[in-house]
Protein backbone atom coordinates (compact mmCIF):
# COMPACT_ATOMS: atom_id res chain seq x y z
CA MET A 1 2.25 -21.00 -16.45
CA LEU A 2 2.78 -20.57 -20.19
CA ASN A 3 3.21 -24.33 -20.44
CA ASP A 4 -0.33 -24.74 -19.08
CA LEU A 5 -1.61 -22.44 -21.83
CA ALA A 6 0.41 -24.39 -24.41
CA ARG A 7 -1.30 -27.64 -23.42
CA LYS A 8 -4.72 -26.03 -23.84
CA HIS A 9 -4.10 -24.52 -27.29
CA SER A 10 -3.06 -26.64 -30.25
CA PHE A 11 -1.54 -23.69 -32.13
CA VAL A 12 1.26 -23.42 -29.54
CA LYS A 13 4.16 -25.46 -30.88
CA GLU A 14 6.78 -24.86 -28.16
CA VAL A 15 7.53 -22.75 -25.09
CA ARG A 16 11.18 -22.01 -24.39
CA GLY A 17 13.09 -19.56 -22.31
CA PHE A 18 16.31 -18.29 -20.86
CA GLY A 19 16.12 -16.33 -17.63
CA LEU A 20 13.15 -14.00 -17.81
CA MET A 21 13.01 -14.06 -21.63
CA LEU A 22 10.37 -16.48 -22.87
CA GLY A 23 9.49 -17.50 -26.40
CA VAL A 24 6.26 -19.12 -27.50
CA GLU A 25 6.48 -20.67 -30.96
CA LEU A 26 3.15 -20.80 -32.73
CA THR A 27 1.86 -22.64 -35.77
CA ILE A 28 0.04 -19.45 -36.79
CA PRO A 29 1.29 -15.89 -37.43
CA GLY A 30 1.63 -13.92 -34.20
CA LYS A 31 1.21 -10.36 -35.46
CA GLN A 32 -2.47 -10.07 -34.52
CA LEU A 33 -1.80 -11.46 -31.05
CA VAL A 34 0.84 -8.76 -30.54
CA LEU A 35 -1.60 -6.05 -31.64
CA ASP A 36 -4.35 -7.45 -29.42
CA ALA A 37 -1.95 -7.67 -26.47
CA MET A 38 -1.01 -4.01 -26.94
CA ALA A 39 -4.67 -3.06 -26.91
CA GLU A 40 -4.90 -4.85 -23.53
CA GLY A 41 -1.86 -3.00 -22.18
CA LEU A 42 0.65 -5.86 -22.58
CA LEU A 43 3.76 -5.22 -24.66
CA ILE A 44 5.19 -8.31 -26.39
CA ASN A 45 6.75 -8.76 -29.79
CA CYS A 46 6.78 -11.33 -32.55
CA THR A 47 9.94 -12.61 -34.19
CA HIS A 48 10.22 -14.86 -37.24
CA ASP A 49 6.48 -14.29 -37.83
CA THR A 50 5.49 -17.08 -35.44
CA VAL A 51 7.42 -16.61 -32.17
CA LEU A 52 5.99 -14.45 -29.42
CA ARG A 53 8.74 -13.03 -27.21
CA PHE A 54 8.08 -12.04 -23.62
CA LEU A 55 10.79 -9.98 -21.93
CA PRO A 56 9.50 -8.54 -18.65
CA PRO A 57 11.48 -5.97 -16.69
CA TYR A 58 13.61 -7.33 -13.86
CA ILE A 59 11.42 -5.48 -11.37
CA ALA A 60 8.17 -7.16 -12.49
CA THR A 61 6.07 -8.25 -9.54
CA GLU A 62 4.29 -11.57 -9.22
CA LYS A 63 1.00 -9.71 -9.52
CA GLU A 64 2.09 -8.14 -12.83
CA VAL A 65 3.19 -11.51 -14.20
CA ASP A 66 -0.15 -13.03 -13.20
CA GLN A 67 -1.95 -10.16 -14.93
CA ALA A 68 0.11 -10.67 -18.10
CA LEU A 69 -0.66 -14.40 -18.11
CA LYS A 70 -4.35 -13.65 -17.70
CA ILE A 71 -4.21 -11.37 -20.75
CA VAL A 72 -2.32 -13.98 -22.79
CA GLY A 73 -4.81 -16.66 -21.79
CA LYS A 74 -7.69 -14.40 -22.87
CA LEU A 75 -6.04 -13.70 -26.23
CA PHE A 76 -5.19 -17.35 -26.85
CA GLY A 77 -8.79 -18.24 -26.09
CA LYS A 78 -9.97 -15.97 -28.90
CA VAL A 79 -7.83 -17.68 -31.56
CA LYS A 80 -9.85 -19.85 -33.92
């Protein structure tokens, strides 16, 4: 899922995770992506300036995860 997006976008350095927590390390600052995600209704945060952290609730449905990935894909597509 996120790995597919990572292969499509050169600014994604690494995708890693533990359980439901996922981190996407970028080669660019992630602050604007966090702000854009919030505007789309997706709450993520950025640590160390370049790591996007995804921590969904344990009750997240497959449909909600798919919706979040769609938003992330849209936002990644806008990065120049």
